Amino acid sequence: MPNRPLSADTIHVSPDVWKQGVRALWRTTGSRVTKPRVRVLDAIMRYQTPFSAEQLCADLGQSISPPGRATVYRTIEQLSESGWLARIHTQTGEAGYVPSLPGHLHHLICTTCGVVIAFEGCVLDDLLVRLSSQTDFAIEGHLLQIYGRCATCK
């Protein structure tokens, strides 16, 4: 099989576009846009690196009129399932979340500063077809996270 060049386009998640997309999701699914949920969104957009649900709860707990723990966890779950949050696994095994856009994306994770860069373009498709055929395994999806140092840290 000939080697094809990797065509990867990095994705920048604009805070305004992200919040508008999440609000559109809530409207189409009949979810209410409440003040506590909006506080969760605003807090998420302040993170520069992956955050955990516990970290988000702790940070929101220090604000005036914090949203409840259940609201935080339900919002994270809904956004993760719909693709508006991506679950990131660090090299140490910790899991966190970053704002994302729905669709098939992969991530570059800086091992120095923790910045996450999303990109689209997947050259694994041919490999997955071959693996499925050779192993009689029904592949339903995959996750690709690449660790290294970003342009600033290298």
C-alpha atoms as a PDB file:
ATOM      1  CA  MET A   1       0.000   0.000   0.000  1.00  0.00           C
ATOM      2  CA  PRO A   2       1.489   3.397  -0.949  1.00  0.00           C
ATOM      3  CA  ASN A   3       2.224   5.926   1.765  1.00  0.00           C
ATOM      4  CA  ARG A   4      -0.095   8.897   1.607  1.00  0.00           C
ATOM      5  CA  PRO A   5       0.883  12.242   3.096  1.00  0.00           C
ATOM      6  CA  LEU A   6      -0.864  13.149   6.330  1.00  0.00           C
ATOM      7  CA  SER A   7      -3.422  15.837   5.711  1.00  0.00           C
ATOM      8  CA  ALA A   8      -4.244  17.299   9.095  1.00  0.00           C
ATOM      9  CA  ASP A   9      -5.997  20.588   9.591  1.00  0.00           C
ATOM     10  CA  THR A  10      -5.792  21.999  13.096  1.00  0.00           C
ATOM     11  CA  ILE A  11      -9.034  23.185  14.614  1.00  0.00           C
ATOM     12  CA  HIS A  12      -9.335  26.303  16.739  1.00  0.00           C
ATOM     13  CA  VAL A  13     -12.376  26.379  18.998  1.00  0.00           C
ATOM     14  CA  SER A  14     -13.581  29.981  19.245  1.00  0.00           C
ATOM     15  CA  PRO A  15     -15.243  30.661  22.626  1.00  0.00           C
ATOM     16  CA  ASP A  16     -18.142  32.509  20.983  1.00  0.00           C
ATOM     17  CA  VAL A  17     -18.746  29.821  18.351  1.00  0.00           C
ATOM     18  CA  TRP A  18     -18.501  27.132  21.028  1.00  0.00           C
ATOM     19  CA  LYS A  19     -21.008  28.779  23.351  1.00  0.00           C
ATOM     20  CA  GLN A  20     -23.415  29.443  20.464  1.00  0.00           C
ATOM     21  CA  GLY A  21     -23.143  25.790  19.409  1.00  0.00           C
ATOM     22  CA  VAL A  22     -23.848  24.535  22.917  1.00  0.00           C
ATOM     23  CA  ARG A  23     -26.835  26.857  23.268  1.00  0.00           C
ATOM     24  CA  ALA A  24     -28.147  25.610  19.894  1.00  0.00           C
ATOM     25  CA  LEU A  25     -27.749  22.038  21.161  1.00  0.00           C
ATOM     26  CA  TRP A  26     -29.770  22.881  24.246  1.00  0.00           C
ATOM     27  CA  ARG A  27     -32.517  24.503  22.167  1.00  0.00           C
ATOM     28  CA  THR A  28     -32.790  21.529  19.780  1.00  0.00           C
ATOM     29  CA  THR A  29     -32.814  18.987  22.610  1.00  0.00           C
ATOM     30  CA  GLY A  30     -35.323  20.938  24.696  1.00  0.00           C
ATOM     31  CA  SER A  31     -32.808  21.612  27.475  1.00  0.00           C
ATOM     32  CA  ARG A  32     -33.222  24.872  29.328  1.00  0.00           C
ATOM     33  CA  VAL A  33     -30.530  27.553  29.186  1.00  0.00           C
ATOM     34  CA  THR A  34     -30.300  28.293  32.899  1.00  0.00           C
ATOM     35  CA  LYS A  35     -27.967  30.632  34.770  1.00  0.00           C
ATOM     36  CA  PRO A  36     -26.169  27.709  36.478  1.00  0.00           C
ATOM     37  CA  ARG A  37     -25.523  26.017  33.111  1.00  0.00           C
ATOM     38  CA  VAL A  38     -24.245  29.270  31.612  1.00  0.00           C
ATOM     39  CA  ARG A  39     -21.888  29.627  34.611  1.00  0.00           C
ATOM     40  CA  VAL A  40     -20.559  26.134  33.833  1.00  0.00           C
ATOM     41  CA  LEU A  41     -19.954  27.124  30.188  1.00  0.00           C
ATOM     42  CA  ASP A  42     -18.193  30.332  31.191  1.00  0.00           C
ATOM     43  CA  ALA A  43     -15.938  28.436  33.607  1.00  0.00           C
ATOM     44  CA  ILE A  44     -15.083  25.815  30.990  1.00  0.00           C
ATOM     45  CA  MET A  45     -13.959  28.497  28.544  1.00  0.00           C
ATOM     46  CA  ARG A  46     -11.503  29.926  31.101  1.00  0.00           C
ATOM     47  CA  TYR A  47      -9.384  26.755  31.148  1.00  0.00           C
ATOM     48  CA  GLN A  48      -6.277  26.726  28.963  1.00  0.00           C
ATOM     49  CA  THR A  49      -5.553  23.010  29.560  1.00  0.00           C
ATOM     50  CA  PRO A  50      -7.724  19.937  30.221  1.00  0.00           C
ATOM     51  CA  PHE A  51      -9.854  20.173  33.361  1.00  0.00           C
ATOM     52  CA  SER A  52     -11.502  17.478  35.461  1.00  0.00           C
ATOM     53  CA  ALA A  53     -15.096  17.496  36.657  1.00  0.00           C
ATOM     54  CA  GLU A  54     -13.836  17.763  40.238  1.00  0.00           C
ATOM     55  CA  GLN A  55     -11.621  20.713  39.355  1.00  0.00           C
ATOM     56  CA  LEU A  56     -14.549  22.451  37.665  1.00  0.00           C
ATOM     57  CA  CYS A  57     -16.788  21.849  40.697  1.00  0.00           C
ATOM     58  CA  ALA A  58     -14.124  23.200  43.046  1.00  0.00           C
ATOM     59  CA  ASP A  59     -13.517  26.285  40.919  1.00  0.00           C
ATOM     60  CA  LEU A  60     -17.237  26.998  40.576  1.00  0.00           C
ATOM     61  CA  GLY A  61     -17.749  26.428  44.295  1.00  0.00           C
ATOM     62  CA  GLN A  62     -15.734  29.552  44.992  1.00  0.00           C
ATOM     63  CA  SER A  63     -18.096  31.747  42.942  1.00  0.00           C
ATOM     64  CA  ILE A  64     -21.193  33.575  44.083  1.00  0.00           C
ATOM     65  CA  SER A  65     -24.254  31.362  43.680  1.00  0.00           C
ATOM     66  CA  PRO A  66     -22.380  28.292  42.358  1.00  0.00           C
ATOM     67  CA  PRO A  67     -24.205  25.682  40.297  1.00  0.00           C
ATOM     68  CA  GLY A  68     -24.818  22.385  42.046  1.00  0.00           C
ATOM     69  CA  ARG A  69     -22.520  19.401  41.615  1.00  0.00           C
ATOM     70  CA  ALA A  70     -25.231  17.480  39.740  1.00  0.00           C
ATOM     71  CA  THR A  71     -25.606  20.350  37.240  1.00  0.00           C
ATOM     72  CA  VAL A  72     -21.859  20.372  36.607  1.00  0.00           C
ATOM     73  CA  TYR A  73     -21.666  16.601  36.069  1.00  0.00           C
ATOM     74  CA  ARG A  74     -24.804  16.447  33.901  1.00  0.00           C
ATOM     75  CA  THR A  75     -23.583  19.349  31.774  1.00  0.00           C
ATOM     76  CA  ILE A  76     -20.180  17.712  31.267  1.00  0.00           C
ATOM     77  CA  GLU A  77     -21.833  14.399  30.367  1.00  0.00           C
ATOM     78  CA  GLN A  78     -24.211  16.009  27.873  1.00  0.00           C
ATOM     79  CA  LEU A  79     -21.470  18.092  26.234  1.00  0.00           C
ATOM     80  CA  SER A  80     -19.118  15.122  26.054  1.00  0.00           C
ATOM     81  CA  GLU A  81     -21.739  12.829  24.494  1.00  0.00           C
ATOM     82  CA  SER A  82     -22.657  15.456  21.898  1.00  0.00           C
ATOM     83  CA  GLY A  83     -19.037  16.231  20.955  1.00  0.00           C
ATOM     84  CA  TRP A  84     -18.867  19.741  22.440  1.00  0.00           C
ATOM     85  CA  LEU A  85     -16.322  18.483  25.014  1.00  0.00           C
ATOM     86  CA  ALA A  86     -13.506  16.072  24.203  1.00  0.00           C
ATOM     87  CA  ARG A  87     -12.211  13.688  26.847  1.00  0.00           C
ATOM     88  CA  ILE A  88      -8.417  13.845  26.982  1.00  0.00           C
ATOM     89  CA  HIS A  89      -6.153  11.274  28.627  1.00  0.00           C
ATOM     90  CA  THR A  90      -2.797  12.563  29.803  1.00  0.00           C
ATOM     91  CA  GLN A  91       0.362  10.473  29.833  1.00  0.00           C
ATOM     92  CA  THR A  92      -0.049  10.076  33.606  1.00  0.00           C
ATOM     93  CA  GLY A  93      -3.435   8.435  33.048  1.00  0.00           C
ATOM     94  CA  GLU A  94      -5.515  11.330  34.306  1.00  0.00           C
ATOM     95  CA  ALA A  95      -8.599  12.218  32.307  1.00  0.00           C
ATOM     96  CA  GLY A  96      -9.810  15.705  31.602  1.00  0.00           C
ATOM     97  CA  TYR A  97     -11.974  17.636  29.173  1.00  0.00           C
ATOM     98  CA  VAL A  98     -11.420  20.407  26.641  1.00  0.00           C
ATOM     99  CA  PRO A  99     -13.935  22.343  24.554  1.00  0.00           C
ATOM    100  CA  SER A 100     -14.327  20.722  21.153  1.00  0.00           C
ATOM    101  CA  LEU A 101     -16.495  20.722  18.083  1.00  0.00           C
ATOM    102  CA  PRO A 102     -18.686  17.774  17.112  1.00  0.00           C
ATOM    103  CA  GLY A 103     -17.189  15.481  14.526  1.00  0.00           C
ATOM    104  CA  HIS A 104     -14.232  13.159  14.103  1.00  0.00           C
ATOM    105  CA  LEU A 105     -11.251  14.917  15.699  1.00  0.00           C
ATOM    106  CA  HIS A 106      -7.929  13.810  17.151  1.00  0.00           C
ATOM    107  CA  HIS A 107      -5.671  15.660  19.571  1.00  0.00           C
ATOM    108  CA  LEU A 108      -2.061  16.699  20.043  1.00  0.00           C
ATOM    109  CA  ILE A 109      -1.230  17.108  23.753  1.00  0.00           C
ATOM    110  CA  CYS A 110       1.808  19.061  24.955  1.00  0.00           C
ATOM    111  CA  THR A 111       3.587  17.152  27.704  1.00  0.00           C
ATOM    112  CA  THR A 112       5.177  20.359  28.992  1.00  0.00           C
ATOM    113  CA  CYS A 113       2.418  22.984  29.183  1.00  0.00           C
ATOM    114  CA  GLY A 114      -0.663  20.772  28.703  1.00  0.00           C
ATOM    115  CA  VAL A 115      -2.097  22.653  25.734  1.00  0.00           C
ATOM    116  CA  VAL A 116      -4.339  20.554  23.494  1.00  0.00           C
ATOM    117  CA  ILE A 117      -4.557  21.068  19.736  1.00  0.00           C
ATOM    118  CA  ALA A 118      -7.423  19.419  17.883  1.00  0.00           C
ATOM    119  CA  PHE A 119      -7.007  18.318  14.292  1.00  0.00           C
ATOM    120  CA  GLU A 120      -9.086  16.598  11.684  1.00  0.00           C
ATOM    121  CA  GLY A 121      -7.849  14.290   9.018  1.00  0.00           C
ATOM    122  CA  CYS A 122      -7.521  10.603   9.757  1.00  0.00           C
ATOM    123  CA  VAL A 123      -5.237   8.259   7.887  1.00  0.00           C
ATOM    124  CA  LEU A 124      -6.243   5.344  10.098  1.00  0.00           C
ATOM    125  CA  ASP A 125      -9.278   4.427   8.006  1.00  0.00           C
ATOM    126  CA  ASP A 126      -7.396   2.045   5.682  1.00  0.00           C
ATOM    127  CA  LEU A 127      -5.658   0.413   8.654  1.00  0.00           C
ATOM    128  CA  LEU A 128      -8.969  -0.070  10.472  1.00  0.00           C
ATOM    129  CA  VAL A 129     -10.567  -1.714   7.434  1.00  0.00           C
ATOM    130  CA  ARG A 130      -7.595  -4.081   7.134  1.00  0.00           C
ATOM    131  CA  LEU A 131      -7.618  -4.876  10.872  1.00  0.00           C
ATOM    132  CA  SER A 132     -11.330  -5.555  10.825  1.00  0.00           C
ATOM    133  CA  SER A 133     -10.982  -7.867   7.831  1.00  0.00           C
ATOM    134  CA  GLN A 134      -7.929  -9.720   9.184  1.00  0.00           C
ATOM    135  CA  THR A 135      -9.261 -10.207  12.703  1.00  0.00           C
ATOM    136  CA  ASP A 136     -13.015 -10.460  12.059  1.00  0.00           C
ATOM    137  CA  PHE A 137     -13.362  -7.693  14.662  1.00  0.00           C
ATOM    138  CA  ALA A 138     -16.229  -5.221  14.249  1.00  0.00           C
ATOM    139  CA  ILE A 139     -14.418  -1.935  14.878  1.00  0.00           C
ATOM    140  CA  GLU A 140     -16.836   0.723  16.103  1.00  0.00           C
ATOM    141  CA  GLY A 141     -14.479   3.653  16.611  1.00  0.00           C
ATOM    142  CA  HIS A 142     -11.040   4.760  17.685  1.00  0.00           C
ATOM    143  CA  LEU A 143      -9.247   7.380  19.728  1.00  0.00           C
ATOM    144  CA  LEU A 144      -5.964   8.997  18.708  1.00  0.00           C
ATOM    145  CA  GLN A 145      -4.071  11.264  21.062  1.00  0.00           C
ATOM    146  CA  ILE A 146      -0.481  12.209  20.287  1.00  0.00           C
ATOM    147  CA  TYR A 147       1.887  13.427  23.002  1.00  0.00           C
ATOM    148  CA  GLY A 148       4.819  15.743  22.428  1.00  0.00           C
ATOM    149  CA  ARG A 149       5.836  19.368  22.829  1.00  0.00           C
ATOM    150  CA  CYS A 150       4.012  22.293  21.237  1.00  0.00           C
ATOM    151  CA  ALA A 151       5.746  25.009  19.200  1.00  0.00           C
ATOM    152  CA  THR A 152       6.143  27.204  22.292  1.00  0.00           C
ATOM    153  CA  CYS A 153       7.620  24.487  24.503  1.00  0.00           C
ATOM    154  CA  LYS A 154       9.932  22.757  22.044  1.00  0.00           C
END
